Amino acid sequence: MASGTADTAEFAASGDQRHATARVEVEVAGISDAGNVRPNNEDHFLVVRFSRSLECLQTNLPVGQVPGRFQDIGYAMAVADGMGGHAAGEEASRHALAMLVKLVVMTPDWIFRVDDPAFAEEVMRRASERFERIDHALVQEAEADPALYGFGTTMTLAANIGKDLFVAHIGDSRAYLFRGGKLHQLTRDHTLVRELCEAGIITQAQAATHHLRHALTRHLGGPKGAKPDVHQVALDDGDCLLLCSDGPATPCKATGAMAASLSAVV
């Protein structure tokens, strides 16, 4: 603008309006170790923060008409435990998480409000669809490259929008909730041993050492297609989440794990 024009001065609207999603305090940590069994680690984990925001840089609207800054924030954590031997399992878990992020980024409308049940249902539908698309992509990769025959991966995802937690899961990597001094398992293992337990054929004690305890009935990249379990959990102040892989069948586990604690919404 020409010099002397009155409205060239920089100013910002007052006020910082953050939705409840942006006022949830979260601490995250992740660790992965190959252990002493395999030369490579077939597990991968991912922790991300996602948001939408608006910042008013200039306006001549009256103070309070628009927020100076608006922000919604969410967090997501995922762990994938590959299988297939040699580098194939490592490739499967890596590709699964990378494609998950790609599918999310390509979604044009991110949902940050789930007070309407229809929005919550859509979040869960999208999670299920993404798992199925990842599964299809892994199957195609294995068909195109004989070296990847038989590869696949588990995947467990937990994402919060404010105090609403969404869990999507396939395989035997687990999600736990620590609340009130007790640990609660949020996922159900997709294993042959779990099915034997539920059928009353073996006991829980027998399952802990059963030779088929790592035999999966569902995973990404499998021949039967991937149908994940997806559900919603209401979080409380001070809750802690843990996502972890099972590691190999020895005391020295190769693990991918992460945790998050959620404090009060102020």
Protein backbone atom coordinates (compact mmCIF):
# COMPACT_ATOMS: atom_id res chain seq x y z
CA MET A 1 0.00 0.00 0.00
CA ALA A 2 1.01 3.61 -0.44
CA SER A 3 2.73 5.33 2.44
CA GLY A 4 0.41 7.16 4.78
CA THR A 5 -2.44 4.67 4.42
CA ALA A 6 -3.91 4.29 7.90
CA ASP A 7 -4.62 0.57 7.90
CA THR A 8 -1.11 -0.62 7.07
CA ALA A 9 -0.14 -0.90 10.74
CA GLU A 10 0.31 -4.50 11.90
CA PHE A 11 -1.93 -5.67 14.71
CA ALA A 12 -3.47 -8.89 15.83
CA ALA A 13 -6.84 -9.69 17.31
CA SER A 14 -6.73 -10.42 21.00
CA GLY A 15 -7.67 -13.76 22.53
CA ASP A 16 -6.34 -17.28 22.36
CA GLN A 17 -9.18 -19.74 21.85
CA ARG A 18 -8.05 -23.31 22.17
CA HIS A 19 -10.60 -26.07 22.06
CA ALA A 20 -10.51 -28.72 24.80
CA THR A 21 -8.47 -30.94 22.48
CA ALA A 22 -5.61 -28.44 22.65
CA ARG A 23 -5.71 -28.23 26.45
CA VAL A 24 -5.06 -31.91 27.10
CA GLU A 25 -1.50 -32.28 28.36
CA VAL A 26 0.31 -35.26 26.88
CA GLU A 27 3.72 -36.77 27.51
CA VAL A 28 5.04 -39.41 25.12
CA ALA A 29 8.01 -41.75 25.04
CA GLY A 30 9.06 -44.53 22.71
CA ILE A 31 11.73 -47.22 22.63
CA SER A 32 12.68 -50.10 20.35
CA ASP A 33 15.45 -52.63 20.82
CA ALA A 34 16.58 -55.60 18.74
CA GLY A 35 17.50 -57.67 21.80
CA ASN A 36 19.90 -60.62 21.66
CA VAL A 37 17.95 -62.99 19.41
CA ARG A 38 17.84 -61.52 15.91
CA PRO A 39 20.40 -59.37 14.08
CA ASN A 40 17.67 -56.99 12.94
CA ASN A 41 14.62 -55.47 14.57
CA GLU A 42 11.36 -56.25 12.81
CA ASP A 43 9.38 -53.81 14.96
CA HIS A 44 8.70 -50.15 14.21
CA PHE A 45 6.80 -47.54 16.17
CA LEU A 46 5.42 -44.10 15.47
CA VAL A 47 4.29 -41.20 17.65
CA VAL A 48 2.76 -38.11 16.01
CA ARG A 49 0.95 -34.94 16.96
CA PHE A 50 -1.66 -33.63 14.53
CA SER A 51 -3.52 -30.34 14.59
CA ARG A 52 -5.55 -27.71 12.82
CA SER A 53 -5.02 -24.08 13.60
CA LEU A 54 -5.94 -20.51 12.70
CA GLU A 55 -3.95 -17.40 13.52
CA CYS A 56 -5.33 -13.95 12.88
CA LEU A 57 -2.51 -11.78 11.54
CA GLN A 58 -4.47 -8.60 10.79
CA THR A 59 -8.04 -7.38 11.09
CA ASN A 60 -10.03 -4.24 11.78
CA LEU A 61 -12.90 -6.18 13.34
CA PRO A 62 -13.72 -5.22 16.93
CA VAL A 63 -11.72 -6.99 19.61
CA GLY A 64 -13.23 -10.33 20.47
CA GLN A 65 -15.04 -10.83 17.17
CA VAL A 66 -12.51 -13.41 16.00
CA PRO A 67 -9.92 -15.35 17.98
CA GLY A 68 -6.32 -14.27 17.71
CA ARG A 69 -5.38 -17.93 17.61
CA PHE A 70 -7.39 -21.13 17.43
CA GLN A 71 -6.05 -24.67 17.68
CA ASP A 72 -7.20 -28.28 17.91
CA ILE A 73 -4.59 -30.94 18.76
CA GLY A 74 -4.56 -34.72 18.75
CA TYR A 75 -1.94 -37.42 19.28
CA ALA A 76 -1.52 -40.81 17.65
CA MET A 77 0.72 -43.75 18.51
CA ALA A 78 1.24 -46.94 16.55
CA VAL A 79 3.37 -50.07 16.76
CA ALA A 80 3.89 -52.70 14.07
CA ASP A 81 5.62 -56.04 14.55
CA GLY A 82 6.80 -57.55 11.27
CA MET A 83 7.05 -61.20 10.35
CA GLY A 84 8.47 -63.13 7.45
CA GLY A 85 12.12 -63.72 8.34
CA HIS A 86 15.30 -61.94 7.34
CA ALA A 87 14.51 -58.40 6.18
CA ALA A 88 10.95 -59.15 5.05
CA GLY A 89 9.33 -58.59 8.45
CA GLU A 90 11.22 -55.36 8.93
CA GLU A 91 10.05 -54.19 5.49
CA ALA A 92 6.43 -55.07 6.23
CA SER A 93 6.21 -53.14 9.51
CA ARG A 94 8.05 -50.16 8.05
CA HIS A 95 5.86 -50.02 4.96
CA ALA A 96 2.68 -50.38 7.02
CA LEU A 97 3.41 -47.38 9.23
CA ALA A 98 4.66 -45.26 6.33
CA MET A 99 1.52 -45.97 4.33
CA LEU A 100 -0.69 -45.26 7.34
CA VAL A 101 0.77 -41.75 7.55
CA LYS A 102 0.40 -41.28 3.79
CA LEU A 103 -3.27 -42.26 3.90
CA VAL A 104 -3.95 -39.88 6.79
CA VAL A 105 -2.15 -36.97 5.11
CA MET A 106 -4.12 -37.57 1.90
CA THR A 107 -7.45 -37.33 3.74
CA PRO A 108 -8.80 -33.85 2.94
CA ASP A 109 -11.07 -33.44 5.96
CA TRP A 110 -9.64 -34.31 9.35
CA ILE A 111 -12.19 -34.81 12.11
CA PHE A 112 -11.47 -33.06 15.41
CA ARG A 113 -14.95 -33.07 16.94
CA VAL A 114 -16.47 -36.38 17.99
CA ASP A 115 -19.25 -35.15 20.29
CA ASP A 116 -21.61 -36.18 17.49
CA PRO A 117 -21.79 -40.01 17.36
CA ALA A 118 -21.80 -39.83 13.55
CA PHE A 119 -18.34 -38.22 13.60
CA ALA A 120 -17.01 -40.87 15.99
CA GLU A 121 -18.36 -43.61 13.72
CA GLU A 122 -16.67 -41.99 10.74
CA VAL A 123 -13.32 -41.89 12.56
CA MET A 124 -13.59 -45.62 13.24
CA ARG A 125 -14.75 -46.39 9.70
CA ARG A 126 -11.75 -44.54 8.27
CA ALA A 127 -9.36 -46.39 10.57
CA SER A 128 -10.75 -49.74 9.44
CA GLU A 129 -10.56 -48.72 5.79
CA ARG A 130 -6.93 -47.62 6.14
CA PHE A 131 -5.95 -50.96 7.68
CA GLU A 132 -7.61 -52.77 4.80
CA ARG A 133 -5.85 -50.60 2.20
CA ILE A 134 -2.49 -51.21 3.87
CA ASP A 135 -3.22 -54.93 3.90
CA HIS A 136 -4.01 -54.88 0.17
CA ALA A 137 -0.82 -52.93 -0.59
CA LEU A 138 1.35 -55.41 1.33
CA VAL A 139 -0.23 -58.36 -0.48
CA GLN A 140 0.53 -56.69 -3.82
CA GLU A 141 4.15 -56.05 -2.79
CA ALA A 142 4.63 -59.70 -1.85
CA GLU A 143 3.14 -60.83 -5.15
CA ALA A 144 5.51 -58.54 -7.07
CA ASP A 145 8.65 -59.54 -5.16
CA PRO A 146 9.27 -63.24 -4.40
CA ALA A 147 11.76 -62.27 -1.69
CA LEU A 148 8.87 -60.84 0.31
CA TYR A 149 6.68 -63.95 0.09
CA GLY A 150 5.00 -64.63 3.42
CA PHE A 151 5.80 -61.27 4.94
CA GLY A 152 3.28 -59.38 7.02
CA THR A 153 2.88 -57.34 10.17
CA THR A 154 0.70 -56.66 13.15
CA MET A 155 -0.39 -53.08 13.74
CA THR A 156 -1.93 -51.40 16.75
CA LEU A 157 -2.97 -47.75 16.63
CA ALA A 158 -4.26 -45.46 19.38
CA ALA A 159 -5.28 -41.88 18.62
CA ASN A 160 -6.92 -39.33 20.87
CA ILE A 161 -9.12 -36.38 20.05
CA GLY A 162 -9.33 -34.64 23.39
CA LYS A 163 -10.45 -37.26 25.88
CA ASP A 164 -11.84 -39.58 23.24
CA LEU A 165 -9.44 -42.42 22.41
CA PHE A 166 -9.79 -44.56 19.30
CA VAL A 167 -8.01 -47.92 19.12
CA ALA A 168 -7.54 -49.91 15.91
CA HIS A 169 -5.80 -53.26 16.10
CA ILE A 170 -4.85 -56.38 14.18
CA GLY A 171 -2.47 -59.13 15.32
CA ASP A 172 -0.96 -59.60 18.78
CA SER A 173 0.72 -56.26 19.49
CA ARG A 174 -1.17 -54.84 22.42
CA ALA A 175 -2.59 -51.61 23.80
CA TYR A 176 -2.93 -51.23 27.56
CA LEU A 177 -4.57 -48.57 29.73
CA PHE A 178 -3.15 -47.90 33.19
CA ARG A 179 -5.82 -46.34 35.42
CA GLY A 180 -6.31 -46.29 39.16
CA GLY A 181 -3.27 -48.43 39.78
CA LYS A 182 -4.49 -51.21 37.47
CA LEU A 183 -3.45 -52.25 33.98
CA HIS A 184 -6.28 -52.98 31.54
CA GLN A 185 -5.70 -54.64 28.16
CA LEU A 186 -7.57 -52.70 25.46
CA THR A 187 -6.90 -55.11 22.61
CA ARG A 188 -7.62 -58.78 22.05
CA ASP A 189 -4.88 -60.97 20.58
CA HIS A 190 -5.68 -62.36 17.15
CA THR A 191 -3.95 -65.66 17.85
CA LEU A 192 -4.83 -69.33 17.64
CA VAL A 193 -4.10 -69.76 21.35
CA ARG A 194 -6.63 -67.06 22.30
CA GLU A 195 -9.27 -68.86 20.25
CA LEU A 196 -8.39 -72.14 22.00
CA CYS A 197 -8.76 -70.41 25.37
CA GLU A 198 -12.12 -68.93 24.46
CA ALA A 199 -13.30 -72.35 23.29
CA GLY A 200 -12.26 -73.86 26.63
CA ILE A 201 -9.76 -76.23 25.01
CA ILE A 202 -6.79 -74.88 26.98
CA THR A 203 -6.44 -72.73 30.10
CA GLN A 204 -4.84 -69.29 30.41
CA ALA A 205 -1.93 -70.89 32.25
CA GLN A 206 -1.38 -73.33 29.39
CA ALA A 207 -1.64 -70.52 26.86
CA ALA A 208 1.34 -68.70 28.37
CA THR A 209 3.72 -71.45 27.29
CA HIS A 210 1.81 -73.03 24.41
CA HIS A 211 3.94 -73.68 21.31
CA LEU A 212 1.33 -71.96 19.10
CA ARG A 213 1.01 -68.81 21.22
CA HIS A 214 2.58 -66.68 18.47
CA ALA A 215 0.49 -68.17 15.63
CA LEU A 216 -1.62 -65.31 14.28
CA THR A 217 -5.12 -65.68 12.91
CA ARG A 218 -5.17 -62.11 11.53
CA HIS A 219 -2.46 -59.73 10.37
CA LEU A 220 -1.70 -57.23 7.62
CA GLY A 221 -0.48 -58.89 4.43
CA GLY A 222 -2.23 -62.18 5.13
CA PRO A 223 -4.13 -64.31 2.63
CA LYS A 224 -7.54 -63.85 4.29
CA GLY A 225 -7.72 -60.06 4.27
CA ALA A 226 -7.46 -57.72 7.24
CA LYS A 227 -10.44 -56.91 9.45
CA PRO A 228 -9.15 -54.85 12.40
CA ASP A 229 -10.88 -54.43 15.72
CA VAL A 230 -11.78 -50.74 16.15
CA HIS A 231 -13.37 -49.21 19.24
CA GLN A 232 -13.64 -46.03 21.29
CA VAL A 233 -12.53 -45.46 24.89
CA ALA A 234 -13.24 -42.49 27.17
CA LEU A 235 -10.06 -41.27 28.86
CA ASP A 236 -9.79 -39.93 32.40
CA ASP A 237 -7.28 -37.51 33.92
CA GLY A 238 -3.98 -39.21 34.64
CA ASP A 239 -4.54 -42.17 32.34
CA CYS A 240 -1.47 -43.80 30.82
CA LEU A 241 -1.41 -45.74 27.57
CA LEU A 242 1.08 -48.38 26.54
CA LEU A 243 1.42 -49.86 23.06
CA CYS A 244 3.87 -52.72 22.69
CA SER A 245 4.87 -55.63 20.50
CA ASP A 246 5.38 -59.09 21.96
CA GLY A 247 9.01 -59.55 20.86
CA PRO A 248 10.49 -63.01 20.20
CA ALA A 249 9.78 -65.91 22.51
CA THR A 250 12.72 -65.29 24.84
CA PRO A 251 13.36 -63.12 27.89
CA CYS A 252 15.32 -60.73 25.66
CA LYS A 253 12.48 -59.20 23.71
CA ALA A 254 12.67 -57.01 20.65
CA THR A 255 10.06 -54.41 21.43
CA GLY A 256 8.50 -51.35 19.96
CA ALA A 257 6.67 -49.49 22.69
CA MET A 258 5.37 -46.08 23.53
CA ALA A 259 3.34 -44.53 26.33
CA ALA A 260 1.28 -41.41 26.84
CA SER A 261 -0.13 -39.83 29.98
CA LEU A 262 -3.08 -37.43 29.73
CA SER A 263 -3.56 -34.77 32.37
CA ALA A 264 -6.55 -32.64 33.24
CA VAL A 265 -8.38 -30.57 30.64
CA VAL A 266 -8.19 -27.03 32.02
